[in-house]
Amino acid sequence: MNYDLQKADLSVVVAEAGLVADETRRIFGQLSAAQINWKPGQGDWSIGQCFDHLTIANRPYLPIIQEIRQGRKRPRLRERLPLLPGLFGKMIIKTLQPDSGRKVKARPQFLPSSTAIDPGIIGAFLDQQESLVKEMKATRELELERITITSPILSLITYSLMDAYRIIVVHEQNHFVQARRVLEAPGFPT
């Protein structure tokens, strides 16, 4: 996987999103409920929680992208400020990269379930990923760097639609790597 997406164009981001989906299906697609819910330690997330978190975090992006694609989205005042979107987008992408060494706490509304997660979460993530990729591809004719959105995570932050795509995929890569570490941790059930 290519973790440096700061300047990646749409074709690279879409390819990376496809790779995340393919590798998720291959590596995590056949895990049992016990494996999906196993945690390496107190306070650590399970594989299921990693993918539950991603489906929760990605969900708000779909209607935003659809509104833009359909020409129904009107820019908010904050989205019209010229310097902020570029600054915030790059900062978030850099922070979320799997090899950044930074640990970012999820906001409460984006935390995964604390109860047992159904192994179907992998299929749910893959279905959502397919929808996201389809929406990304449908916007390829738009000026993605010039369209600004407000972050669904923190309303004070704005970034370009292209940076939103980069953020989505880098965030997925981050939690894919986290889930992979769980799978490789000592004591993982076989």
N, C-alpha and C. Protein backbone atom coordinates (compact mmCIF):
# COMPACT_ATOMS: atom_id res chain seq x y z
N MET A 1 0.84 -1.20 0.00
CA MET A 1 0.00 0.00 0.00
C MET A 1 0.88 1.25 0.00
N ASN A 2 0.39 2.25 -0.68
CA ASN A 2 1.08 3.54 -0.74
C ASN A 2 0.53 4.43 0.37
N TYR A 3 1.33 4.70 1.39
CA TYR A 3 0.86 5.49 2.52
C TYR A 3 1.05 6.99 2.34
N ASP A 4 1.75 7.40 1.30
CA ASP A 4 1.98 8.82 1.08
C ASP A 4 1.01 9.32 0.02
N LEU A 5 -0.17 9.72 0.46
CA LEU A 5 -1.21 10.16 -0.47
C LEU A 5 -1.40 11.67 -0.47
N GLN A 6 -0.50 12.42 0.17
CA GLN A 6 -0.69 13.87 0.30
C GLN A 6 -0.90 14.57 -1.03
N LYS A 7 -0.24 14.11 -2.06
CA LYS A 7 -0.38 14.77 -3.37
C LYS A 7 -0.95 13.82 -4.42
N ALA A 8 -1.45 12.68 -3.99
CA ALA A 8 -1.96 11.68 -4.93
C ALA A 8 -3.19 12.21 -5.66
N ASP A 9 -3.29 11.84 -6.94
CA ASP A 9 -4.47 12.24 -7.70
C ASP A 9 -5.59 11.21 -7.49
N LEU A 10 -6.73 11.47 -8.09
CA LEU A 10 -7.90 10.63 -7.87
C LEU A 10 -7.65 9.18 -8.26
N SER A 11 -6.97 8.95 -9.38
CA SER A 11 -6.75 7.57 -9.82
C SER A 11 -5.93 6.78 -8.80
N VAL A 12 -4.94 7.42 -8.19
CA VAL A 12 -4.12 6.75 -7.17
C VAL A 12 -4.94 6.49 -5.91
N VAL A 13 -5.73 7.47 -5.49
CA VAL A 13 -6.55 7.31 -4.28
C VAL A 13 -7.58 6.20 -4.49
N VAL A 14 -8.22 6.17 -5.65
CA VAL A 14 -9.20 5.12 -5.95
C VAL A 14 -8.51 3.75 -5.98
N ALA A 15 -7.33 3.68 -6.57
CA ALA A 15 -6.59 2.41 -6.60
C ALA A 15 -6.24 1.95 -5.18
N GLU A 16 -5.82 2.87 -4.33
CA GLU A 16 -5.50 2.52 -2.94
C GLU A 16 -6.74 2.08 -2.18
N ALA A 17 -7.88 2.73 -2.43
CA ALA A 17 -9.14 2.32 -1.79
C ALA A 17 -9.50 0.91 -2.23
N GLY A 18 -9.28 0.60 -3.50
CA GLY A 18 -9.53 -0.75 -4.01
C GLY A 18 -8.60 -1.77 -3.38
N LEU A 19 -7.35 -1.38 -3.18
CA LEU A 19 -6.38 -2.26 -2.55
C LEU A 19 -6.75 -2.53 -1.09
N VAL A 20 -7.20 -1.51 -0.38
CA VAL A 20 -7.66 -1.70 1.00
C VAL A 20 -8.80 -2.72 1.02
N ALA A 21 -9.74 -2.58 0.10
CA ALA A 21 -10.88 -3.51 0.04
C ALA A 21 -10.41 -4.93 -0.28
N ASP A 22 -9.56 -5.06 -1.29
CA ASP A 22 -9.07 -6.39 -1.69
C ASP A 22 -8.33 -7.08 -0.55
N GLU A 23 -7.43 -6.34 0.10
CA GLU A 23 -6.65 -6.91 1.19
C GLU A 23 -7.52 -7.20 2.42
N THR A 24 -8.51 -6.36 2.66
CA THR A 24 -9.43 -6.61 3.78
C THR A 24 -10.19 -7.91 3.53
N ARG A 25 -10.70 -8.07 2.33
CA ARG A 25 -11.44 -9.30 1.97
C ARG A 25 -10.54 -10.52 2.12
N ARG A 26 -9.32 -10.42 1.60
CA ARG A 26 -8.39 -11.55 1.61
C ARG A 26 -7.94 -11.92 3.02
N ILE A 27 -7.60 -10.92 3.83
CA ILE A 27 -7.00 -11.20 5.14
C ILE A 27 -8.05 -11.38 6.24
N PHE A 28 -9.11 -10.59 6.21
CA PHE A 28 -10.07 -10.60 7.33
C PHE A 28 -11.44 -11.18 6.97
N GLY A 29 -11.65 -11.49 5.71
CA GLY A 29 -12.98 -11.88 5.24
C GLY A 29 -13.53 -13.18 5.79
N GLN A 30 -12.67 -14.07 6.23
CA GLN A 30 -13.14 -15.39 6.69
C GLN A 30 -12.92 -15.62 8.19
N LEU A 31 -12.71 -14.54 8.93
CA LEU A 31 -12.45 -14.70 10.37
C LEU A 31 -13.73 -15.06 11.13
N SER A 32 -13.55 -15.79 12.20
CA SER A 32 -14.67 -16.18 13.07
C SER A 32 -15.05 -15.01 13.98
N ALA A 33 -16.17 -15.16 14.66
CA ALA A 33 -16.61 -14.14 15.62
C ALA A 33 -15.56 -13.97 16.73
N ALA A 34 -14.99 -15.09 17.18
CA ALA A 34 -13.96 -15.01 18.23
C ALA A 34 -12.74 -14.23 17.74
N GLN A 35 -12.34 -14.46 16.50
CA GLN A 35 -11.18 -13.76 15.95
C GLN A 35 -11.48 -12.28 15.71
N ILE A 36 -12.67 -11.98 15.21
CA ILE A 36 -13.07 -10.59 14.94
C ILE A 36 -13.09 -9.77 16.23
N ASN A 37 -13.46 -10.41 17.34
CA ASN A 37 -13.66 -9.69 18.60
C ASN A 37 -12.48 -9.80 19.58
N TRP A 38 -11.45 -10.56 19.24
CA TRP A 38 -10.31 -10.73 20.13
C TRP A 38 -9.50 -9.44 20.21
N LYS A 39 -9.08 -9.12 21.45
CA LYS A 39 -8.26 -7.92 21.67
C LYS A 39 -6.92 -8.34 22.27
N PRO A 40 -5.83 -7.75 21.78
CA PRO A 40 -4.52 -8.13 22.31
C PRO A 40 -4.26 -7.66 23.73
N GLY A 41 -4.99 -6.66 24.18
CA GLY A 41 -4.78 -6.15 25.53
C GLY A 41 -5.90 -5.22 25.95
N GLN A 42 -5.92 -4.91 27.22
CA GLN A 42 -6.90 -3.97 27.77
C GLN A 42 -6.77 -2.62 27.07
N GLY A 43 -7.87 -2.09 26.61
CA GLY A 43 -7.87 -0.79 25.95
C GLY A 43 -7.54 -0.84 24.47
N ASP A 44 -7.13 -2.01 23.98
CA ASP A 44 -6.86 -2.15 22.54
C ASP A 44 -8.16 -2.46 21.80
N TRP A 45 -8.19 -2.12 20.53
CA TRP A 45 -9.34 -2.43 19.70
C TRP A 45 -9.16 -3.80 19.05
N SER A 46 -10.28 -4.47 18.85
CA SER A 46 -10.29 -5.72 18.10
C SER A 46 -10.30 -5.40 16.60
N ILE A 47 -10.14 -6.42 15.77
CA ILE A 47 -10.25 -6.24 14.32
C ILE A 47 -11.64 -5.71 13.98
N GLY A 48 -12.66 -6.29 14.60
CA GLY A 48 -14.03 -5.84 14.36
C GLY A 48 -14.23 -4.38 14.71
N GLN A 49 -13.64 -3.94 15.81
CA GLN A 49 -13.77 -2.53 16.21
C GLN A 49 -13.08 -1.61 15.21
N CYS A 50 -11.95 -2.04 14.66
CA CYS A 50 -11.27 -1.21 13.65
C CYS A 50 -12.20 -0.96 12.46
N PHE A 51 -12.85 -2.02 11.99
CA PHE A 51 -13.72 -1.88 10.81
C PHE A 51 -15.07 -1.26 11.16
N ASP A 52 -15.54 -1.46 12.37
CA ASP A 52 -16.77 -0.79 12.81
C ASP A 52 -16.52 0.72 12.85
N HIS A 53 -15.39 1.11 13.40
CA HIS A 53 -15.01 2.53 13.46
C HIS A 53 -14.94 3.13 12.05
N LEU A 54 -14.35 2.41 11.12
CA LEU A 54 -14.24 2.94 9.75
C LEU A 54 -15.61 3.13 9.11
N THR A 55 -16.52 2.18 9.31
CA THR A 55 -17.85 2.34 8.71
C THR A 55 -18.58 3.52 9.33
N ILE A 56 -18.39 3.73 10.62
CA ILE A 56 -19.01 4.88 11.30
C ILE A 56 -18.39 6.19 10.79
N ALA A 57 -17.06 6.23 10.71
CA ALA A 57 -16.36 7.45 10.31
C ALA A 57 -16.60 7.81 8.84
N ASN A 58 -16.73 6.80 7.98
CA ASN A 58 -16.92 7.05 6.54
C ASN A 58 -18.36 7.39 6.17
N ARG A 59 -19.30 6.94 6.98
CA ARG A 59 -20.73 7.11 6.66
C ARG A 59 -21.13 8.55 6.32
N PRO A 60 -20.70 9.56 7.08
CA PRO A 60 -21.15 10.93 6.78
C PRO A 60 -20.62 11.49 5.46
N TYR A 61 -19.58 10.90 4.91
CA TYR A 61 -19.02 11.41 3.66
C TYR A 61 -19.93 11.13 2.46
N LEU A 62 -20.61 10.00 2.47
CA LEU A 62 -21.41 9.62 1.30
C LEU A 62 -22.45 10.67 0.91
N PRO A 63 -23.28 11.16 1.85
CA PRO A 63 -24.26 12.17 1.44
C PRO A 63 -23.63 13.48 0.98
N ILE A 64 -22.49 13.83 1.55
CA ILE A 64 -21.79 15.06 1.13
C ILE A 64 -21.34 14.92 -0.32
N ILE A 65 -20.72 13.79 -0.63
CA ILE A 65 -20.24 13.56 -2.00
C ILE A 65 -21.42 13.53 -2.97
N GLN A 66 -22.51 12.88 -2.57
CA GLN A 66 -23.69 12.82 -3.45
C GLN A 66 -24.27 14.21 -3.70
N GLU A 67 -24.33 15.04 -2.67
CA GLU A 67 -24.83 16.42 -2.85
C GLU A 67 -23.95 17.19 -3.83
N ILE A 68 -22.66 17.05 -3.70
CA ILE A 68 -21.73 17.73 -4.61
C ILE A 68 -21.92 17.22 -6.03
N ARG A 69 -21.95 15.92 -6.18
CA ARG A 69 -22.09 15.31 -7.50
C ARG A 69 -23.38 15.74 -8.19
N GLN A 70 -24.43 15.90 -7.40
CA GLN A 70 -25.74 16.29 -7.95
C GLN A 70 -25.90 17.81 -8.06
N GLY A 71 -24.87 18.55 -7.66
CA GLY A 71 -24.92 20.01 -7.77
C GLY A 71 -25.82 20.68 -6.75
N ARG A 72 -26.12 19.99 -5.65
CA ARG A 72 -27.03 20.53 -4.64
C ARG A 72 -26.31 21.15 -3.44
N LYS A 73 -25.01 20.97 -3.34
CA LYS A 73 -24.29 21.49 -2.16
C LYS A 73 -23.90 22.95 -2.37
N ARG A 74 -24.23 23.77 -1.41
CA ARG A 74 -23.86 25.18 -1.41
C ARG A 74 -22.77 25.40 -0.37
N PRO A 75 -21.69 26.11 -0.74
CA PRO A 75 -20.59 26.31 0.21
C PRO A 75 -21.00 27.16 1.41
N ARG A 76 -20.54 26.73 2.58
CA ARG A 76 -20.72 27.52 3.80
C ARG A 76 -19.65 28.61 3.83
N LEU A 77 -19.85 29.59 4.69
CA LEU A 77 -18.90 30.70 4.79
C LEU A 77 -17.47 30.20 5.04
N ARG A 78 -17.32 29.32 6.00
CA ARG A 78 -15.99 28.79 6.37
C ARG A 78 -15.33 28.09 5.18
N GLU A 79 -16.14 27.46 4.34
CA GLU A 79 -15.61 26.73 3.20
C GLU A 79 -15.09 27.67 2.10
N ARG A 80 -15.42 28.94 2.21
CA ARG A 80 -14.99 29.91 1.20
C ARG A 80 -13.69 30.62 1.58
N LEU A 81 -13.16 30.36 2.77
CA LEU A 81 -11.90 30.98 3.19
C LEU A 81 -10.75 30.27 2.47
N PRO A 82 -9.93 31.00 1.73
CA PRO A 82 -9.00 30.37 0.80
C PRO A 82 -7.86 29.55 1.40
N LEU A 83 -7.31 29.91 2.54
CA LEU A 83 -6.12 29.24 3.04
C LEU A 83 -6.40 28.01 3.89
N LEU A 84 -7.48 28.04 4.63
CA LEU A 84 -7.73 26.99 5.61
C LEU A 84 -7.86 25.58 5.01
N PRO A 85 -8.62 25.38 3.94
CA PRO A 85 -8.79 24.01 3.45
C PRO A 85 -7.47 23.31 3.13
N GLY A 86 -6.56 23.98 2.45
CA GLY A 86 -5.29 23.35 2.10
C GLY A 86 -4.46 23.01 3.32
N LEU A 87 -4.46 23.88 4.29
CA LEU A 87 -3.70 23.68 5.52
C LEU A 87 -4.24 22.49 6.31
N PHE A 88 -5.54 22.49 6.57
CA PHE A 88 -6.14 21.43 7.38
C PHE A 88 -6.02 20.06 6.71
N GLY A 89 -6.32 20.01 5.42
CA GLY A 89 -6.29 18.73 4.71
C GLY A 89 -4.93 18.06 4.81
N LYS A 90 -3.88 18.80 4.48
CA LYS A 90 -2.53 18.24 4.50
C LYS A 90 -2.12 17.80 5.91
N MET A 91 -2.49 18.60 6.91
CA MET A 91 -2.15 18.28 8.29
C MET A 91 -2.83 16.97 8.72
N ILE A 92 -4.10 16.82 8.39
CA ILE A 92 -4.84 15.61 8.79
C ILE A 92 -4.28 14.39 8.08
N ILE A 93 -4.02 14.51 6.79
CA ILE A 93 -3.47 13.38 6.02
C ILE A 93 -2.15 12.93 6.63
N LYS A 94 -1.28 13.87 6.92
CA LYS A 94 0.03 13.56 7.50
C LYS A 94 -0.12 12.87 8.86
N THR A 95 -1.04 13.36 9.67
CA THR A 95 -1.25 12.81 11.00
C THR A 95 -1.81 11.39 10.95
N LEU A 96 -2.67 11.10 9.98
CA LEU A 96 -3.33 9.80 9.91
C LEU A 96 -2.52 8.72 9.22
N GLN A 97 -1.43 9.08 8.57
CA GLN A 97 -0.64 8.07 7.87
C GLN A 97 -0.21 6.97 8.85
N PRO A 98 -0.32 5.70 8.44
CA PRO A 98 0.04 4.60 9.33
C PRO A 98 1.45 4.68 9.88
N ASP A 99 2.37 5.24 9.11
CA ASP A 99 3.77 5.31 9.56
C ASP A 99 4.12 6.65 10.22
N SER A 100 3.11 7.43 10.59
CA SER A 100 3.37 8.76 11.18
C SER A 100 3.88 8.66 12.62
N GLY A 101 3.59 7.55 13.29
CA GLY A 101 4.00 7.41 14.68
C GLY A 101 3.08 8.11 15.65
N ARG A 102 2.05 8.77 15.13
CA ARG A 102 1.10 9.48 15.99
C ARG A 102 -0.13 8.62 16.22
N LYS A 103 -0.64 8.68 17.43
CA LYS A 103 -1.88 7.99 17.75
C LYS A 103 -2.95 9.06 17.95
N VAL A 104 -4.01 8.98 17.18
CA VAL A 104 -5.09 9.96 17.24
C VAL A 104 -6.30 9.31 17.89
N LYS A 105 -6.80 9.92 18.94
CA LYS A 105 -7.99 9.39 19.62
C LYS A 105 -9.23 9.69 18.79
N ALA A 106 -10.09 8.69 18.66
CA ALA A 106 -11.35 8.87 17.93
C ALA A 106 -12.29 9.73 18.77
N ARG A 107 -13.01 10.61 18.09
CA ARG A 107 -14.03 11.42 18.77
C ARG A 107 -15.14 10.48 19.23
N PRO A 108 -15.81 10.81 20.35
CA PRO A 108 -16.80 9.90 20.93
C PRO A 108 -17.86 9.38 19.95
N GLN A 109 -18.36 10.25 19.06
CA GLN A 109 -19.41 9.81 18.14
C GLN A 109 -18.90 8.85 17.07
N PHE A 110 -17.58 8.67 16.98
CA PHE A 110 -17.00 7.78 15.98
C PHE A 110 -16.36 6.54 16.60
N LEU A 111 -16.58 6.35 17.90
CA LEU A 111 -16.03 5.17 18.57
C LEU A 111 -16.79 3.92 18.13
N PRO A 112 -16.08 2.80 18.03
CA PRO A 112 -16.76 1.55 17.67
C PRO A 112 -17.57 1.01 18.84
N SER A 113 -18.39 0.05 18.54
CA SER A 113 -19.18 -0.61 19.58
C SER A 113 -18.26 -1.24 20.61
N SER A 114 -18.67 -1.19 21.86
CA SER A 114 -17.88 -1.82 22.93
C SER A 114 -18.38 -3.24 23.19
N THR A 115 -19.47 -3.63 22.54
CA THR A 115 -19.98 -4.99 22.67
C THR A 115 -19.46 -5.83 21.50
N ALA A 116 -19.78 -7.12 21.54
CA ALA A 116 -19.32 -8.03 20.48
C ALA A 116 -19.79 -7.54 19.11
N ILE A 117 -18.90 -7.63 18.16
CA ILE A 117 -19.19 -7.18 16.80
C ILE A 117 -19.37 -8.39 15.91
N ASP A 118 -20.42 -8.35 15.12
CA ASP A 118 -20.74 -9.43 14.19
C ASP A 118 -19.65 -9.52 13.12
N PRO A 119 -19.23 -10.73 12.76
CA PRO A 119 -18.23 -10.87 11.69
C PRO A 119 -18.69 -10.24 10.36
N GLY A 120 -19.98 -9.99 10.23
CA GLY A 120 -20.51 -9.32 9.04
C GLY A 120 -20.00 -7.90 8.88
N ILE A 121 -19.29 -7.38 9.88
CA ILE A 121 -18.76 -6.01 9.79
C ILE A 121 -17.78 -5.90 8.62
N ILE A 122 -17.08 -6.97 8.31
CA ILE A 122 -16.14 -6.93 7.18
C ILE A 122 -16.92 -6.73 5.88
N GLY A 123 -18.00 -7.47 5.71
CA GLY A 123 -18.85 -7.31 4.52
C GLY A 123 -19.48 -5.92 4.47
N ALA A 124 -19.89 -5.41 5.62
CA ALA A 124 -20.48 -4.06 5.67
C ALA A 124 -19.45 -3.01 5.26
N PHE A 125 -18.22 -3.17 5.75
CA PHE A 125 -17.15 -2.25 5.35
C PHE A 125 -16.91 -2.33 3.84
N LEU A 126 -16.85 -3.55 3.31
CA LEU A 126 -16.58 -3.73 1.88
C LEU A 126 -17.70 -3.14 1.02
N ASP A 127 -18.96 -3.30 1.46
CA ASP A 127 -20.09 -2.71 0.73
C ASP A 127 -19.98 -1.19 0.73
N GLN A 128 -19.67 -0.63 1.90
CA GLN A 128 -19.53 0.82 2.00
C GLN A 128 -18.35 1.31 1.15
N GLN A 129 -17.28 0.55 1.15
CA GLN A 129 -16.10 0.92 0.36
C GLN A 129 -16.45 0.95 -1.13
N GLU A 130 -17.22 -0.02 -1.56
CA GLU A 130 -17.65 -0.05 -2.96
C GLU A 130 -18.46 1.20 -3.31
N SER A 131 -19.35 1.60 -2.39
CA SER A 131 -20.14 2.82 -2.60
C SER A 131 -19.26 4.06 -2.64
N LEU A 132 -18.30 4.14 -1.73
CA LEU A 132 -17.39 5.29 -1.70
C LEU A 132 -16.58 5.39 -2.99
N VAL A 133 -16.04 4.27 -3.44
CA VAL A 133 -15.24 4.27 -4.66
C VAL A 133 -16.10 4.68 -5.85
N LYS A 134 -17.32 4.18 -5.89
CA LYS A 134 -18.24 4.55 -6.98
C LYS A 134 -18.50 6.06 -6.98
N GLU A 135 -18.73 6.63 -5.79
CA GLU A 135 -18.96 8.08 -5.68
C GLU A 135 -17.71 8.87 -6.06
N MET A 136 -16.55 8.39 -5.62
CA MET A 136 -15.29 9.07 -5.97
C MET A 136 -15.13 9.12 -7.49
N LYS A 137 -15.31 7.97 -8.12
CA LYS A 137 -15.17 7.90 -9.58
C LYS A 137 -16.17 8.81 -10.29
N ALA A 138 -17.37 8.93 -9.72
CA ALA A 138 -18.42 9.75 -10.35
C ALA A 138 -18.11 11.24 -10.29
N THR A 139 -17.13 11.62 -9.47
CA THR A 139 -16.76 13.05 -9.36
C THR A 139 -15.48 13.37 -10.14
N ARG A 140 -14.98 12.44 -10.91
CA ARG A 140 -13.68 12.64 -11.57
C ARG A 140 -13.63 13.84 -12.51
N GLU A 141 -14.77 14.29 -13.00
CA GLU A 141 -14.79 15.45 -13.91
C GLU A 141 -14.84 16.78 -13.16
N LEU A 142 -15.02 16.74 -11.84
CA LEU A 142 -15.11 17.96 -11.04
C LEU A 142 -13.72 18.46 -10.66
N GLU A 143 -13.64 19.72 -10.26
CA GLU A 143 -12.38 20.29 -9.78
C GLU A 143 -12.25 19.97 -8.29
N LEU A 144 -11.80 18.78 -8.00
CA LEU A 144 -11.80 18.24 -6.65
C LEU A 144 -10.96 19.05 -5.67
N GLU A 145 -9.89 19.68 -6.14
CA GLU A 145 -9.04 20.49 -5.26
C GLU A 145 -9.70 21.83 -4.94
N ARG A 146 -10.65 22.26 -5.74
CA ARG A 146 -11.29 23.57 -5.56
C ARG A 146 -12.63 23.48 -4.82
N ILE A 147 -13.16 22.29 -4.69
CA ILE A 147 -14.42 22.11 -3.95
C ILE A 147 -14.06 21.89 -2.49
N THR A 148 -14.61 22.71 -1.61
CA THR A 148 -14.29 22.63 -0.19
C THR A 148 -15.48 22.10 0.58
N ILE A 149 -15.19 21.21 1.53
CA ILE A 149 -16.24 20.68 2.40
C ILE A 149 -15.85 20.92 3.86
N THR A 150 -16.85 20.86 4.71
CA THR A 150 -16.62 20.92 6.15
C THR A 150 -16.46 19.50 6.65
N SER A 151 -15.49 19.28 7.49
CA SER A 151 -15.25 17.95 8.04
C SER A 151 -16.48 17.45 8.79
N PRO A 152 -16.92 16.22 8.50
CA PRO A 152 -18.04 15.67 9.26
C PRO A 152 -17.63 15.30 10.69
N ILE A 153 -16.34 15.31 10.96
CA ILE A 153 -15.83 14.96 12.28
C ILE A 153 -15.74 16.17 13.19
N LEU A 154 -15.28 17.29 12.65
CA LEU A 154 -15.13 18.52 13.43
C LEU A 154 -15.51 19.70 12.54
N SER A 155 -16.61 20.34 12.86
CA SER A 155 -17.19 21.35 11.97
C SER A 155 -16.35 22.62 11.80
N LEU A 156 -15.30 22.79 12.58
CA LEU A 156 -14.43 23.96 12.42
C LEU A 156 -13.39 23.75 11.32
N ILE A 157 -13.27 22.52 10.86
CA ILE A 157 -12.23 22.17 9.90
C ILE A 157 -12.83 22.02 8.51
N THR A 158 -12.14 22.61 7.53
CA THR A 158 -12.54 22.46 6.13
C THR A 158 -11.36 21.94 5.33
N TYR A 159 -11.66 21.24 4.25
CA TYR A 159 -10.63 20.77 3.34
C TYR A 159 -11.26 20.51 1.98
N SER A 160 -10.41 20.32 0.98
CA SER A 160 -10.92 20.08 -0.37
C SER A 160 -11.55 18.70 -0.44
N LEU A 161 -12.41 18.51 -1.42
CA LEU A 161 -13.01 17.19 -1.63
C LEU A 161 -11.91 16.18 -1.93
N MET A 162 -10.89 16.59 -2.68
CA MET A 162 -9.78 15.68 -2.97
C MET A 162 -9.06 15.28 -1.69
N ASP A 163 -8.84 16.25 -0.80
CA ASP A 163 -8.23 15.91 0.50
C ASP A 163 -9.16 15.02 1.31
N ALA A 164 -10.46 15.20 1.20
CA ALA A 164 -11.41 14.32 1.90
C ALA A 164 -11.20 12.88 1.44
N TYR A 165 -11.05 12.69 0.13
CA TYR A 165 -10.80 11.34 -0.40
C TYR A 165 -9.49 10.79 0.14
N ARG A 166 -8.47 11.63 0.16
CA ARG A 166 -7.17 11.19 0.69
C ARG A 166 -7.28 10.84 2.18
N ILE A 167 -8.00 11.66 2.93
CA ILE A 167 -8.19 11.42 4.37
C ILE A 167 -8.91 10.10 4.59
N ILE A 168 -9.97 9.86 3.84
CA ILE A 168 -10.73 8.61 3.97
C ILE A 168 -9.80 7.42 3.79
N VAL A 169 -9.03 7.42 2.71
CA VAL A 169 -8.20 6.26 2.39
C VAL A 169 -7.02 6.12 3.35
N VAL A 170 -6.38 7.21 3.72
CA VAL A 170 -5.27 7.13 4.68
C VAL A 170 -5.79 6.63 6.03
N HIS A 171 -6.95 7.09 6.43
CA HIS A 171 -7.57 6.63 7.67
C HIS A 171 -7.84 5.12 7.59
N GLU A 172 -8.34 4.66 6.46
CA GLU A 172 -8.58 3.23 6.28
C GLU A 172 -7.27 2.45 6.35
N GLN A 173 -6.24 2.96 5.69
CA GLN A 173 -4.94 2.29 5.73
C GLN A 173 -4.43 2.18 7.16
N ASN A 174 -4.60 3.24 7.92
CA ASN A 174 -4.15 3.28 9.30
C ASN A 174 -4.81 2.15 10.11
N HIS A 175 -6.13 2.04 10.00
CA HIS A 175 -6.83 1.01 10.78
C HIS A 175 -6.66 -0.38 10.18
N PHE A 176 -6.39 -0.47 8.90
CA PHE A 176 -6.04 -1.76 8.30
C PHE A 176 -4.75 -2.27 8.93
N VAL A 177 -3.76 -1.40 9.03
CA VAL A 177 -2.48 -1.76 9.66
C VAL A 177 -2.71 -2.14 11.12
N GLN A 178 -3.55 -1.38 11.82
CA GLN A 178 -3.87 -1.69 13.21
C GLN A 178 -4.51 -3.07 13.32
N ALA A 179 -5.47 -3.37 12.45
CA ALA A 179 -6.15 -4.67 12.46
C ALA A 179 -5.16 -5.79 12.14
N ARG A 180 -4.25 -5.52 11.25
CA ARG A 180 -3.24 -6.51 10.89
C ARG A 180 -2.34 -6.82 12.09
N ARG A 181 -2.01 -5.79 12.87
CA ARG A 181 -1.21 -6.00 14.09
C ARG A 181 -1.95 -6.89 15.08
N VAL A 182 -3.27 -6.71 15.18
CA VAL A 182 -4.08 -7.56 16.07
C VAL A 182 -3.98 -9.01 15.61
N LEU A 183 -4.13 -9.22 14.32
CA LEU A 183 -4.08 -10.56 13.73
C LEU A 183 -2.73 -11.24 14.01
N GLU A 184 -1.67 -10.45 14.04
CA GLU A 184 -0.31 -10.98 14.22
C GLU A 184 0.14 -10.99 15.68
N ALA A 185 -0.71 -10.52 16.59
CA ALA A 185 -0.33 -10.43 18.00
C ALA A 185 -0.28 -11.82 18.64
N PRO A 186 0.64 -11.99 19.60
CA PRO A 186 0.70 -13.27 20.32
C PRO A 186 -0.64 -13.55 21.01
N GLY A 187 -1.09 -14.79 20.90
CA GLY A 187 -2.34 -15.18 21.55
C GLY A 187 -3.57 -15.06 20.66
N PHE A 188 -3.40 -14.57 19.42
CA PHE A 188 -4.55 -14.44 18.53
C PHE A 188 -5.14 -15.83 18.30
N PRO A 189 -6.46 -15.98 18.48
CA PRO A 189 -7.08 -17.31 18.33
C PRO A 189 -7.00 -17.84 16.89
N THR A 190 -6.70 -19.13 16.79
CA THR A 190 -6.62 -19.75 15.46
C THR A 190 -7.76 -20.71 15.22
